[in-house]
PDB file of N, CA and C in Angstrom:
ATOM      1  N   ASN A   1     223.406 -25.171 108.810  1.00  0.00           N
ATOM      2  CA  ASN A   1     224.106 -25.263 110.192  1.00  0.00           C
ATOM      3  C   ASN A   1     223.642 -23.903 110.907  1.00  0.00           C
ATOM      4  N   ILE A   2     223.499 -22.881 110.126  1.00  0.00           N
ATOM      5  CA  ILE A   2     223.135 -21.555 110.844  1.00  0.00           C
ATOM      6  C   ILE A   2     221.824 -21.694 111.529  1.00  0.00           C
ATOM      7  N   ALA A   3     220.909 -22.430 110.986  1.00  0.00           N
ATOM      8  CA  ALA A   3     219.571 -22.764 111.641  1.00  0.00           C
ATOM      9  C   ALA A   3     219.749 -23.492 112.906  1.00  0.00           C
ATOM     10  N   LEU A   4     220.545 -24.483 112.703  1.00  0.00           N
ATOM     11  CA  LEU A   4     220.730 -25.330 113.986  1.00  0.00           C
ATOM     12  C   LEU A   4     221.405 -24.373 115.182  1.00  0.00           C
ATOM     13  N   SER A   5     222.407 -23.620 114.832  1.00  0.00           N
ATOM     14  CA  SER A   5     222.964 -22.867 115.912  1.00  0.00           C
ATOM     15  C   SER A   5     222.048 -21.861 116.546  1.00  0.00           C
ATOM     16  N   ASN A   6     221.099 -21.271 115.697  1.00  0.00           N
ATOM     17  CA  ASN A   6     220.149 -20.330 116.252  1.00  0.00           C
ATOM     18  C   ASN A   6     219.260 -21.143 117.160  1.00  0.00           C
ATOM     19  N   VAL A   7     218.795 -22.352 116.806  1.00  0.00           N
ATOM     20  CA  VAL A   7     217.992 -23.157 117.762  1.00  0.00           C
ATOM     21  C   VAL A   7     218.622 -23.384 119.044  1.00  0.00           C
ATOM     22  N   LEU A   8     219.896 -23.693 118.922  1.00  0.00           N
ATOM     23  CA  LEU A   8     220.756 -24.002 120.225  1.00  0.00           C
ATOM     24  C   LEU A   8     220.918 -22.826 120.999  1.00  0.00           C
ATOM     25  N   VAL A   9     221.110 -21.600 120.424  1.00  0.00           N
ATOM     26  CA  VAL A   9     221.228 -20.365 121.225  1.00  0.00           C
ATOM     27  C   VAL A   9     219.944 -20.220 121.881  1.00  0.00           C
ATOM     28  N   GLY A  10     218.749 -20.313 121.264  1.00  0.00           N
ATOM     29  CA  GLY A  10     217.464 -20.108 121.834  1.00  0.00           C
ATOM     30  C   GLY A  10     217.232 -21.037 122.984  1.00  0.00           C
ATOM     31  N   ILE A  11     217.724 -22.220 122.981  1.00  0.00           N
ATOM     32  CA  ILE A  11     217.505 -23.209 124.099  1.00  0.00           C
ATOM     33  C   ILE A  11     218.347 -22.787 125.187  1.00  0.00           C
ATOM     34  N   ILE A  12     219.507 -22.449 124.865  1.00  0.00           N
ATOM     35  CA  ILE A  12     220.480 -22.119 125.997  1.00  0.00           C
ATOM     36  C   ILE A  12     219.972 -20.883 126.752  1.00  0.00           C
ATOM     37  N   ARG A  13     219.374 -19.922 126.133  1.00  0.00           N
ATOM     38  CA  ARG A  13     218.814 -18.771 126.819  1.00  0.00           C
ATOM     39  C   ARG A  13     217.477 -18.930 127.444  1.00  0.00           C
ATOM     40  N   LEU A  14     216.989 -20.134 127.367  1.00  0.00           N
ATOM     41  CA  LEU A  14     215.607 -20.367 127.927  1.00  0.00           C
ATOM     42  C   LEU A  14     215.553 -20.053 129.555  1.00  0.00           C
ATOM     43  N   SER A  15     214.634 -19.152 129.814  1.00  0.00           N
ATOM     44  CA  SER A  15     214.538 -18.740 131.173  1.00  0.00           C
ATOM     45  C   SER A  15     213.221 -19.210 131.693  1.00  0.00           C
ATOM     46  N   LEU A  16     213.218 -19.934 132.735  1.00  0.00           N
ATOM     47  CA  LEU A  16     211.996 -20.491 133.424  1.00  0.00           C
ATOM     48  C   LEU A  16     211.479 -19.562 134.424  1.00  0.00           C
ATOM     49  N   PRO A  17     210.187 -19.345 134.531  1.00  0.00           N
ATOM     50  CA  PRO A  17     209.718 -18.352 135.557  1.00  0.00           C
ATOM     51  C   PRO A  17     209.828 -19.035 136.960  1.00  0.00           C
ATOM     52  N   LYS A  18     209.860 -18.090 137.865  1.00  0.00           N
ATOM     53  CA  LYS A  18     209.875 -18.491 139.331  1.00  0.00           C
ATOM     54  C   LYS A  18     208.569 -19.026 139.696  1.00  0.00           C
ATOM     55  N   PRO A  19     208.462 -20.332 140.231  1.00  0.00           N
ATOM     56  CA  PRO A  19     207.197 -20.778 140.582  1.00  0.00           C
ATOM     57  C   PRO A  19     206.677 -20.205 141.882  1.00  0.00           C
ATOM     58  N   SER A  20     205.371 -20.485 142.031  1.00  0.00           N
ATOM     59  CA  SER A  20     204.745 -19.919 143.357  1.00  0.00           C
ATOM     60  C   SER A  20     204.613 -21.130 144.209  1.00  0.00           C
ATOM     61  N   ILE A  21     204.407 -20.751 145.492  1.00  0.00           N
ATOM     62  CA  ILE A  21     204.283 -21.855 146.446  1.00  0.00           C
ATOM     63  C   ILE A  21     203.040 -21.485 147.444  1.00  0.00           C
ATOM     64  N   SER A  22     202.168 -22.528 147.787  1.00  0.00           N
ATOM     65  CA  SER A  22     201.206 -22.271 148.910  1.00  0.00           C
ATOM     66  C   SER A  22     201.304 -23.453 149.756  1.00  0.00           C
ATOM     67  N   MET A  23     200.698 -23.237 150.985  1.00  0.00           N
ATOM     68  CA  MET A  23     200.681 -24.362 152.017  1.00  0.00           C
ATOM     69  C   MET A  23     199.236 -24.327 152.544  1.00  0.00           C
ATOM     70  N   SER A  24     198.769 -25.583 152.841  1.00  0.00           N
ATOM     71  CA  SER A  24     197.487 -25.994 153.474  1.00  0.00           C
ATOM     72  C   SER A  24     197.749 -26.818 154.667  1.00  0.00           C
ATOM     73  N   PRO A  25     197.134 -26.600 155.852  1.00  0.00           N
ATOM     74  CA  PRO A  25     196.669 -25.335 156.161  1.00  0.00           C
ATOM     75  C   PRO A  25     197.797 -24.194 156.200  1.00  0.00           C
ATOM     76  N   ALA A  26     197.438 -23.022 156.060  1.00  0.00           N
ATOM     77  CA  ALA A  26     198.323 -21.835 155.999  1.00  0.00           C
ATOM     78  C   ALA A  26     199.006 -21.619 157.344  1.00  0.00           C
ATOM     79  N   ASP A  27     200.189 -21.271 157.403  1.00  0.00           N
ATOM     80  CA  ASP A  27     200.948 -20.783 158.592  1.00  0.00           C
ATOM     81  C   ASP A  27     201.197 -21.737 159.567  1.00  0.00           C
ATOM     82  N   GLU A  28     200.113 -22.096 160.373  1.00  0.00           N
ATOM     83  CA  GLU A  28     200.378 -22.887 161.659  1.00  0.00           C
ATOM     84  C   GLU A  28     199.817 -24.144 161.635  1.00  0.00           C
ATOM     85  N   VAL A  29     200.607 -25.212 161.884  1.00  0.00           N
ATOM     86  CA  VAL A  29     200.094 -26.645 161.867  1.00  0.00           C
ATOM     87  C   VAL A  29     200.207 -27.253 163.268  1.00  0.00           C
ATOM     88  N   THR A  30     199.330 -27.993 163.729  1.00  0.00           N
ATOM     89  CA  THR A  30     199.501 -28.700 164.986  1.00  0.00           C
ATOM     90  C   THR A  30     200.301 -29.935 164.798  1.00  0.00           C
ATOM     91  N   TRP A  31     201.200 -30.288 165.747  1.00  0.00           N
ATOM     92  CA  TRP A  31     201.907 -31.435 165.701  1.00  0.00           C
ATOM     93  C   TRP A  31     201.218 -32.669 165.448  1.00  0.00           C
ATOM     94  N   GLY A  32     201.598 -33.481 164.533  1.00  0.00           N
ATOM     95  CA  GLY A  32     200.766 -34.855 164.049  1.00  0.00           C
ATOM     96  C   GLY A  32     199.844 -34.504 162.904  1.00  0.00           C
ATOM     97  N   GLN A  33     199.579 -33.305 162.580  1.00  0.00           N
ATOM     98  CA  GLN A  33     198.654 -32.838 161.456  1.00  0.00           C
ATOM     99  C   GLN A  33     199.457 -33.121 160.124  1.00  0.00           C
ATOM    100  N   ASP A  34     198.634 -33.280 159.137  1.00  0.00           N
ATOM    101  CA  ASP A  34     199.196 -33.476 157.694  1.00  0.00           C
ATOM    102  C   ASP A  34     199.268 -31.925 157.118  1.00  0.00           C
ATOM    103  N   VAL A  35     200.156 -31.793 156.295  1.00  0.00           N
ATOM    104  CA  VAL A  35     200.256 -30.470 155.642  1.00  0.00           C
ATOM    105  C   VAL A  35     200.567 -30.720 154.085  1.00  0.00           C
ATOM    106  N   SER A  36     200.100 -29.901 153.243  1.00  0.00           N
ATOM    107  CA  SER A  36     200.461 -30.028 151.969  1.00  0.00           C
ATOM    108  C   SER A  36     200.947 -28.739 151.287  1.00  0.00           C
ATOM    109  N   PHE A  37     201.727 -28.849 150.347  1.00  0.00           N
ATOM    110  CA  PHE A  37     202.263 -27.709 149.722  1.00  0.00           C
ATOM    111  C   PHE A  37     201.956 -27.889 148.258  1.00  0.00           C
ATOM    112  N   THR A  38     201.602 -26.750 147.595  1.00  0.00           N
ATOM    113  CA  THR A  38     201.303 -26.700 146.184  1.00  0.00           C
ATOM    114  C   THR A  38     202.377 -25.784 145.457  1.00  0.00           C
ATOM    115  N   CYS A  39     202.986 -26.428 144.351  1.00  0.00           N
ATOM    116  CA  CYS A  39     203.910 -25.474 143.696  1.00  0.00           C
ATOM    117  C   CYS A  39     203.269 -25.276 142.246  1.00  0.00           C
ATOM    118  N   SER A  40     203.190 -24.122 141.847  1.00  0.00           N
ATOM    119  CA  SER A  40     202.592 -23.936 140.475  1.00  0.00           C
ATOM    120  C   SER A  40     203.408 -22.944 139.666  1.00  0.00           C
ATOM    121  N   ASN A  41     203.173 -22.981 138.435  1.00  0.00           N
ATOM    122  CA  ASN A  41     203.907 -22.248 137.286  1.00  0.00           C
ATOM    123  C   ASN A  41     202.820 -21.587 136.517  1.00  0.00           C
ATOM    124  N   SER A  42     203.341 -20.566 135.684  1.00  0.00           N
ATOM    125  CA  SER A  42     202.431 -20.052 134.603  1.00  0.00           C
ATOM    126  C   SER A  42     201.830 -21.113 133.627  1.00  0.00           C
ATOM    127  N   ALA A  43     200.685 -20.949 133.021  1.00  0.00           N
ATOM    128  CA  ALA A  43     200.139 -22.075 132.346  1.00  0.00           C
ATOM    129  C   ALA A  43     200.928 -22.565 131.047  1.00  0.00           C
ATOM    130  N   GLU A  44     201.815 -21.668 130.537  1.00  0.00           N
ATOM    131  CA  GLU A  44     202.346 -22.074 129.247  1.00  0.00           C
ATOM    132  C   GLU A  44     203.533 -23.099 129.541  1.00  0.00           C
ATOM    133  N   PHE A  45     203.818 -23.303 130.894  1.00  0.00           N
ATOM    134  CA  PHE A  45     204.907 -24.297 131.260  1.00  0.00           C
ATOM    135  C   PHE A  45     204.255 -25.571 131.784  1.00  0.00           C
ATOM    136  N   GLN A  46     203.989 -26.472 130.875  1.00  0.00           N
ATOM    137  CA  GLN A  46     203.280 -27.769 131.309  1.00  0.00           C
ATOM    138  C   GLN A  46     204.466 -28.915 131.394  1.00  0.00           C
ATOM    139  N   SER A  47     204.187 -29.731 132.142  1.00  0.00           N
ATOM    140  CA  SER A  47     204.986 -30.978 132.155  1.00  0.00           C
ATOM    141  C   SER A  47     206.404 -30.695 132.530  1.00  0.00           C
ATOM    142  N   GLY A  48     206.769 -30.866 133.665  1.00  0.00           N
ATOM    143  CA  GLY A  48     208.171 -30.663 134.181  1.00  0.00           C
ATOM    144  C   GLY A  48     208.335 -31.305 135.532  1.00  0.00           C
ATOM    145  N   THR A  49     209.250 -30.993 136.187  1.00  0.00           N
ATOM    146  CA  THR A  49     209.579 -31.475 137.464  1.00  0.00           C
ATOM    147  C   THR A  49     209.563 -30.328 138.449  1.00  0.00           C
ATOM    148  N   PHE A  50     208.822 -30.346 139.553  1.00  0.00           N
ATOM    149  CA  PHE A  50     208.830 -29.589 140.714  1.00  0.00           C
ATOM    150  C   PHE A  50     209.587 -30.164 141.828  1.00  0.00           C
ATOM    151  N   ILE A  51     210.370 -29.336 142.523  1.00  0.00           N
ATOM    152  CA  ILE A  51     211.095 -29.703 143.688  1.00  0.00           C
ATOM    153  C   ILE A  51     210.775 -28.840 144.898  1.00  0.00           C
ATOM    154  N   LEU A  52     210.286 -29.465 145.932  1.00  0.00           N
ATOM    155  CA  LEU A  52     210.005 -28.732 147.284  1.00  0.00           C
ATOM    156  C   LEU A  52     211.301 -28.937 147.996  1.00  0.00           C
ATOM    157  N   LYS A  53     211.851 -27.874 148.588  1.00  0.00           N
ATOM    158  CA  LYS A  53     213.064 -27.786 149.385  1.00  0.00           C
ATOM    159  C   LYS A  53     212.810 -26.938 150.570  1.00  0.00           C
ATOM    160  N   LYS A  54     213.294 -27.411 151.631  1.00  0.00           N
ATOM    161  CA  LYS A  54     213.365 -26.822 153.100  1.00  0.00           C
ATOM    162  C   LYS A  54     214.557 -25.906 152.893  1.00  0.00           C
ATOM    163  N   THR A  55     214.594 -24.730 153.316  1.00  0.00           N
ATOM    164  CA  THR A  55     215.584 -23.683 153.256  1.00  0.00           C
ATOM    165  C   THR A  55     216.895 -24.063 153.974  1.00  0.00           C
ATOM    166  N   SER A  56     216.540 -24.735 155.154  1.00  0.00           N
ATOM    167  CA  SER A  56     217.731 -25.252 155.955  1.00  0.00           C
ATOM    168  C   SER A  56     217.748 -26.841 155.932  1.00  0.00           C
ATOM    169  N   GLY A  57     218.946 -27.283 155.888  1.00  0.00           N
ATOM    170  CA  GLY A  57     219.037 -28.918 156.009  1.00  0.00           C
ATOM    171  C   GLY A  57     218.947 -29.318 154.386  1.00  0.00           C
ATOM    172  N   SER A  58     218.803 -30.686 154.402  1.00  0.00           N
ATOM    173  CA  SER A  58     218.852 -31.352 153.070  1.00  0.00           C
ATOM    174  C   SER A  58     217.440 -31.836 152.573  1.00  0.00           C
ATOM    175  N   PHE A  59     216.344 -31.525 153.298  1.00  0.00           N
ATOM    176  CA  PHE A  59     215.079 -31.966 152.902  1.00  0.00           C
ATOM    177  C   PHE A  59     214.701 -31.396 151.405  1.00  0.00           C
ATOM    178  N   ASN A  60     214.307 -32.413 150.609  1.00  0.00           N
ATOM    179  CA  ASN A  60     213.703 -32.071 149.314  1.00  0.00           C
ATOM    180  C   ASN A  60     212.892 -33.362 148.742  1.00  0.00           C
ATOM    181  N   LYS A  61     211.857 -32.955 148.106  1.00  0.00           N
ATOM    182  CA  LYS A  61     210.998 -33.832 147.481  1.00  0.00           C
ATOM    183  C   LYS A  61     210.725 -33.560 146.124  1.00  0.00           C
ATOM    184  N   THR A  62     210.711 -34.423 145.192  1.00  0.00           N
ATOM    185  CA  THR A  62     210.568 -34.187 143.699  1.00  0.00           C
ATOM    186  C   THR A  62     209.449 -34.798 143.235  1.00  0.00           C
ATOM    187  N   GLN A  63     208.796 -34.023 142.285  1.00  0.00           N
ATOM    188  CA  GLN A  63     207.564 -34.670 141.684  1.00  0.00           C
ATOM    189  C   GLN A  63     207.380 -34.331 140.171  1.00  0.00           C
ATOM    190  N   MET A  64     207.285 -35.206 139.398  1.00  0.00           N
ATOM    191  CA  MET A  64     206.947 -34.951 137.939  1.00  0.00           C
ATOM    192  C   MET A  64     205.554 -34.513 137.928  1.00  0.00           C
ATOM    193  N   SER A  65     205.326 -33.578 136.883  1.00  0.00           N
ATOM    194  CA  SER A  65     203.958 -33.053 136.713  1.00  0.00           C
ATOM    195  C   SER A  65     203.515 -32.870 135.137  1.00  0.00           C
ATOM    196  N   HIS A  66     202.433 -33.421 134.718  1.00  0.00           N
ATOM    197  CA  HIS A  66     202.040 -33.128 133.425  1.00  0.00           C
ATOM    198  C   HIS A  66     201.133 -31.914 133.227  1.00  0.00           C
ATOM    199  N   SER A  67     201.031 -31.122 134.389  1.00  0.00           N
ATOM    200  CA  SER A  67     200.353 -29.957 134.180  1.00  0.00           C
ATOM    201  C   SER A  67     201.338 -28.831 134.718  1.00  0.00           C
ATOM    202  N   ASN A  68     200.781 -27.629 135.208  1.00  0.00           N
ATOM    203  CA  ASN A  68     201.625 -26.679 135.568  1.00  0.00           C
ATOM    204  C   ASN A  68     201.568 -26.518 137.166  1.00  0.00           C
ATOM    205  N   SER A  69     201.288 -27.508 137.846  1.00  0.00           N
ATOM    206  CA  SER A  69     201.440 -27.587 139.246  1.00  0.00           C
ATOM    207  C   SER A  69     201.682 -28.918 139.789  1.00  0.00           C
ATOM    208  N   ALA A  70     202.133 -28.967 141.103  1.00  0.00           N
ATOM    209  CA  ALA A  70     202.359 -30.264 141.790  1.00  0.00           C
ATOM    210  C   ALA A  70     202.020 -30.139 143.239  1.00  0.00           C
ATOM    211  N   ALA A  71     201.460 -31.077 143.812  1.00  0.00           N
ATOM    212  CA  ALA A  71     201.118 -31.045 145.314  1.00  0.00           C
ATOM    213  C   ALA A  71     201.978 -32.009 145.934  1.00  0.00           C
ATOM    214  N   PHE A  72     202.605 -31.531 147.224  1.00  0.00           N
ATOM    215  CA  PHE A  72     203.424 -32.406 147.955  1.00  0.00           C
ATOM    216  C   PHE A  72     202.811 -32.561 149.292  1.00  0.00           C
ATOM    217  N   SER A  73     202.668 -33.780 149.774  1.00  0.00           N
ATOM    218  CA  SER A  73     202.082 -34.049 151.102  1.00  0.00           C
ATOM    219  C   SER A  73     203.067 -34.339 152.128  1.00  0.00           C
ATOM    220  N   ILE A  74     203.060 -33.773 153.269  1.00  0.00           N
ATOM    221  CA  ILE A  74     203.897 -34.200 154.311  1.00  0.00           C
ATOM    222  C   ILE A  74     203.081 -34.744 155.483  1.00  0.00           C
ATOM    223  N   PRO A  75     202.950 -35.899 155.622  1.00  0.00           N
ATOM    224  CA  PRO A  75     202.048 -36.520 156.715  1.00  0.00           C
ATOM    225  C   PRO A  75     202.605 -36.355 158.109  1.00  0.00           C
ATOM    226  N   THR A  76     201.711 -36.278 159.107  1.00  0.00           N
ATOM    227  CA  THR A  76     202.162 -36.270 160.461  1.00  0.00           C
ATOM    228  C   THR A  76     203.204 -35.366 160.826  1.00  0.00           C
ATOM    229  N   VAL A  77     203.239 -34.082 160.661  1.00  0.00           N
ATOM    230  CA  VAL A  77     204.327 -33.289 160.920  1.00  0.00           C
ATOM    231  C   VAL A  77     204.716 -33.260 162.414  1.00  0.00           C
ATOM    232  N   ASP A  78     206.122 -33.095 162.464  1.00  0.00           N
ATOM    233  CA  ASP A  78     206.674 -32.904 163.896  1.00  0.00           C
ATOM    234  C   ASP A  78     207.532 -31.619 163.855  1.00  0.00           C
ATOM    235  N   PHE A  79     208.357 -31.380 164.998  1.00  0.00           N
ATOM    236  CA  PHE A  79     209.009 -30.178 164.937  1.00  0.00           C
ATOM    237  C   PHE A  79     210.160 -30.124 164.007  1.00  0.00           C
ATOM    238  N   ASP A  80     210.656 -31.408 163.587  1.00  0.00           N
ATOM    239  CA  ASP A  80     211.734 -31.430 162.619  1.00  0.00           C
ATOM    240  C   ASP A  80     211.357 -30.805 161.286  1.00  0.00           C
ATOM    241  N   LYS A  81     210.098 -30.707 161.003  1.00  0.00           N
ATOM    242  CA  LYS A  81     209.533 -30.122 159.660  1.00  0.00           C
ATOM    243  C   LYS A  81     209.315 -28.725 159.673  1.00  0.00           C
ATOM    244  N   GLU A  82     209.437 -28.177 160.884  1.00  0.00           N
ATOM    245  CA  GLU A  82     209.184 -26.690 160.949  1.00  0.00           C
ATOM    246  C   GLU A  82     210.333 -25.885 160.261  1.00  0.00           C
ATOM    247  N   GLY A  83     210.001 -24.948 159.507  1.00  0.00           N
ATOM    248  CA  GLY A  83     211.020 -24.060 158.869  1.00  0.00           C
ATOM    249  C   GLY A  83     210.255 -23.352 157.542  1.00  0.00           C
ATOM    250  N   SER A  84     211.091 -22.914 156.826  1.00  0.00           N
ATOM    251  CA  SER A  84     210.688 -22.313 155.474  1.00  0.00           C
ATOM    252  C   SER A  84     211.006 -23.142 154.320  1.00  0.00           C
ATOM    253  N   TYR A  85     210.016 -23.243 153.363  1.00  0.00           N
ATOM    254  CA  TYR A  85     210.075 -24.081 152.171  1.00  0.00           C
ATOM    255  C   TYR A  85     209.900 -23.303 150.970  1.00  0.00           C
ATOM    256  N   GLN A  86     210.615 -23.723 149.893  1.00  0.00           N
ATOM    257  CA  GLN A  86     210.492 -23.076 148.553  1.00  0.00           C
ATOM    258  C   GLN A  86     210.303 -24.200 147.582  1.00  0.00           C
ATOM    259  N   CYS A  87     209.864 -23.764 146.366  1.00  0.00           N
ATOM    260  CA  CYS A  87     209.716 -24.573 145.258  1.00  0.00           C
ATOM    261  C   CYS A  87     210.685 -24.171 144.205  1.00  0.00           C
ATOM    262  N   GLN A  88     211.084 -25.260 143.303  1.00  0.00           N
ATOM    263  CA  GLN A  88     211.913 -24.934 142.140  1.00  0.00           C
ATOM    264  C   GLN A  88     211.176 -25.693 140.984  1.00  0.00           C
ATOM    265  N   TYR A  89     211.395 -25.361 139.789  1.00  0.00           N
ATOM    266  CA  TYR A  89     210.852 -25.952 138.565  1.00  0.00           C
ATOM    267  C   TYR A  89     211.942 -26.321 137.699  1.00  0.00           C
ATOM    268  N   GLU A  90     211.926 -27.514 137.053  1.00  0.00           N
ATOM    269  CA  GLU A  90     212.919 -27.875 136.068  1.00  0.00           C
ATOM    270  C   GLU A  90     212.297 -28.464 134.960  1.00  0.00           C
ATOM    271  N   LYS A  91     212.931 -28.379 133.707  1.00  0.00           N
ATOM    272  CA  LYS A  91     212.379 -28.798 132.519  1.00  0.00           C
ATOM    273  C   LYS A  91     213.477 -29.139 131.643  1.00  0.00           C
ATOM    274  N   THR A  92     213.439 -30.418 131.021  1.00  0.00           N
ATOM    275  CA  THR A  92     214.447 -30.922 130.148  1.00  0.00           C
ATOM    276  C   THR A  92     213.941 -30.765 128.808  1.00  0.00           C
ATOM    277  N   ILE A  93     214.826 -30.087 127.985  1.00  0.00           N
ATOM    278  CA  ILE A  93     214.572 -29.869 126.508  1.00  0.00           C
ATOM    279  C   ILE A  93     215.748 -30.361 125.774  1.00  0.00           C
ATOM    280  N   SER A  94     215.560 -31.111 124.905  1.00  0.00           N
ATOM    281  CA  SER A  94     216.625 -31.659 123.889  1.00  0.00           C
ATOM    282  C   SER A  94     217.827 -32.122 124.809  1.00  0.00           C
ATOM    283  N   GLY A  95     217.477 -32.717 125.896  1.00  0.00           N
ATOM    284  CA  GLY A  95     218.597 -33.444 126.793  1.00  0.00           C
ATOM    285  C   GLY A  95     219.281 -32.478 127.766  1.00  0.00           C
ATOM    286  N   GLN A  96     218.802 -31.181 127.721  1.00  0.00           N
ATOM    287  CA  GLN A  96     219.478 -30.233 128.576  1.00  0.00           C
ATOM    288  C   GLN A  96     218.505 -29.823 129.594  1.00  0.00           C
ATOM    289  N   THR A  97     218.840 -29.799 130.964  1.00  0.00           N
ATOM    290  CA  THR A  97     217.800 -29.553 131.981  1.00  0.00           C
ATOM    291  C   THR A  97     218.128 -28.059 132.431  1.00  0.00           C
ATOM    292  N   PHE A  98     217.005 -27.367 132.554  1.00  0.00           N
ATOM    293  CA  PHE A  98     216.823 -25.931 132.979  1.00  0.00           C
ATOM    294  C   PHE A  98     216.212 -25.903 134.295  1.00  0.00           C
ATOM    295  N   SER A  99     216.626 -25.018 135.123  1.00  0.00           N
ATOM    296  CA  SER A  99     215.983 -24.880 136.539  1.00  0.00           C
ATOM    297  C   SER A  99     215.623 -23.401 136.536  1.00  0.00           C
ATOM    298  N   SER A 100     214.380 -23.187 137.216  1.00  0.00           N
ATOM    299  CA  SER A 100     214.020 -21.777 137.619  1.00  0.00           C
ATOM    300  C   SER A 100     214.794 -21.358 138.833  1.00  0.00           C
ATOM    301  N   HIS A 101     214.584 -20.112 139.135  1.00  0.00           N
ATOM    302  CA  HIS A 101     214.964 -19.619 140.439  1.00  0.00           C
ATOM    303  C   HIS A 101     214.098 -20.263 141.415  1.00  0.00           C
ATOM    304  N   LEU A 102     214.409 -20.105 142.603  1.00  0.00           N
ATOM    305  CA  LEU A 102     213.612 -20.584 143.779  1.00  0.00           C
ATOM    306  C   LEU A 102     212.451 -19.678 144.049  1.00  0.00           C
ATOM    307  N   SER A 103     211.298 -20.173 144.390  1.00  0.00           N
ATOM    308  CA  SER A 103     210.060 -19.371 144.667  1.00  0.00           C
ATOM    309  C   SER A 103     210.331 -18.557 145.964  1.00  0.00           C
ATOM    310  N   ASP A 104     209.343 -17.714 146.232  1.00  0.00           N
ATOM    311  CA  ASP A 104     209.329 -17.088 147.560  1.00  0.00           C
ATOM    312  C   ASP A 104     209.141 -18.184 148.453  1.00  0.00           C
ATOM    313  N   SER A 105     209.358 -18.019 149.780  1.00  0.00           N
ATOM    314  CA  SER A 105     209.340 -19.042 150.794  1.00  0.00           C
ATOM    315  C   SER A 105     207.940 -18.920 151.610  1.00  0.00           C
ATOM    316  N   VAL A 106     207.474 -20.113 152.060  1.00  0.00           N
ATOM    317  CA  VAL A 106     206.372 -20.151 152.979  1.00  0.00           C
ATOM    318  C   VAL A 106     206.947 -20.708 154.257  1.00  0.00           C
ATOM    319  N   LYS A 107     206.515 -20.270 155.361  1.00  0.00           N
ATOM    320  CA  LYS A 107     206.997 -20.663 156.749  1.00  0.00           C
ATOM    321  C   LYS A 107     205.968 -21.721 157.301  1.00  0.00           C
ATOM    322  N   LEU A 108     206.523 -22.845 157.728  1.00  0.00           N
ATOM    323  CA  LEU A 108     205.603 -23.845 158.385  1.00  0.00           C
ATOM    324  C   LEU A 108     206.048 -23.714 159.911  1.00  0.00           C
ATOM    325  N   SER A 109     205.036 -23.370 160.764  1.00  0.00           N
ATOM    326  CA  SER A 109     205.161 -23.288 162.216  1.00  0.00           C
ATOM    327  C   SER A 109     204.408 -24.467 162.781  1.00  0.00           C
ATOM    328  N   VAL A 110     205.100 -25.357 163.662  1.00  0.00           N
ATOM    329  CA  VAL A 110     204.430 -26.566 164.254  1.00  0.00           C
ATOM    330  C   VAL A 110     204.213 -26.093 165.780  1.00  0.00           C
ATOM    331  N   THR A 111     202.868 -26.308 166.174  1.00  0.00           N
ATOM    332  CA  THR A 111     202.542 -25.925 167.663  1.00  0.00           C
ATOM    333  C   THR A 111     202.371 -27.418 168.157  1.00  0.00           C
ATOM    334  N   GLY A 112     202.426 -27.374 169.599  1.00  0.00           N
ATOM    335  CA  GLY A 112     202.272 -28.601 170.398  1.00  0.00           C
ATOM    336  C   GLY A 112     200.816 -28.993 170.253  1.00  0.00           C
ATOM    337  N   MET A 113     200.657 -30.248 170.776  1.00  0.00           N
ATOM    338  CA  MET A 113     199.273 -31.031 170.761  1.00  0.00           C
ATOM    339  C   MET A 113     198.192 -30.274 171.555  1.00  0.00           C
TER     340      MET A 113
END
């Protein structure tokens, strides 16, 4: 039983690294253009769930990944999509889900046509 409790203590203390985020095209996007975000983690964290969140409002997209990154596409952006975005990483181990801290943010600016 001691071995089992040591394993559980190790799992409970699991700390996931903060993911990184990038955006393409970077910075400024023209209204109606497509934009993509890439969330990535250090290589030792394979297969988990990445979540793209807008810092204001309720926008979020979730994507399972079998690697250490995930790409999110937002087609035909409009002014509602303007704002700052962050990524989060989740991994489930032995039925328990662990979440990373939010990544640094990237700002999406939308310009007129």
